[in-house]
Amino acid sequence: MSDKNYGPLRFYIGKWESDGFKGANKAPAPDRGVENTKFRQEMIFEPIGDVSNHEQLLYVLRYHTKAWEEGSSIEDGPFHEEVGYFIWDKANRQVMKSFIVPRGIAVNAGGDAESDSTEFMVKAELGSNTYGVCSNKFLDDEFQTVSYEIKFSFIDENTFTYDENTRIKMKGRDDIFDHTESNTLKKVIS
């Protein structure tokens, strides 16, 4: 099977790592203020082939990422982890990221792209029937995710960046909190 079947996702197949603790994460602090941390990260994208939904044909990458805060070691365990799938729907020119986070959140985000796009963005909104967000009861009451978006930019065969924003309605605050994350990753295994 040709990697071209994966459309814009083909550029990400392999294992990637950040160069040290250069990732930037702005998140709610324990006191519900702002916490800014630096982190290192690894991402793995593995082709699993095609998946059919009757007439719909999708090409899927299994996805896994882990991140460690500055000052921690791999033995301390990651402070963040995601598992899921990146999906290419060539007929509808849609790219999707479907993933779960072990805090009780599931996200199915999607967006438009072309087969040769080197940049794409996927989005999800609370309450959407298609590209949406689902959280556990505590998070929905205290830290409700109202939207999620991430933009991937393929720089060259060895480098990509991403910028992510999870918009959160926190109990006791009138404003929406922009939980942002960004990083640059380098390919370590094709």
Foldseek 3Di string as FASTA:
>chain_A
DDLLLQFLCSLVAAKKKFDAQAKWWWDQDPVRDTDIWTKIKMKHWAWPAWDDPVVWIKTKTWIKMFIDTPPDDVVVPGPWIKTFIWIAGQVQQKIWTWIDTVQFKTWIWMDHDHSHDQKDKTKEADPDPHGYMDGDPVCCQAWNFGMKMKMKGRDDSFKIKMKIWTWTDGPPDPDIDTTIMMGMITGDTD
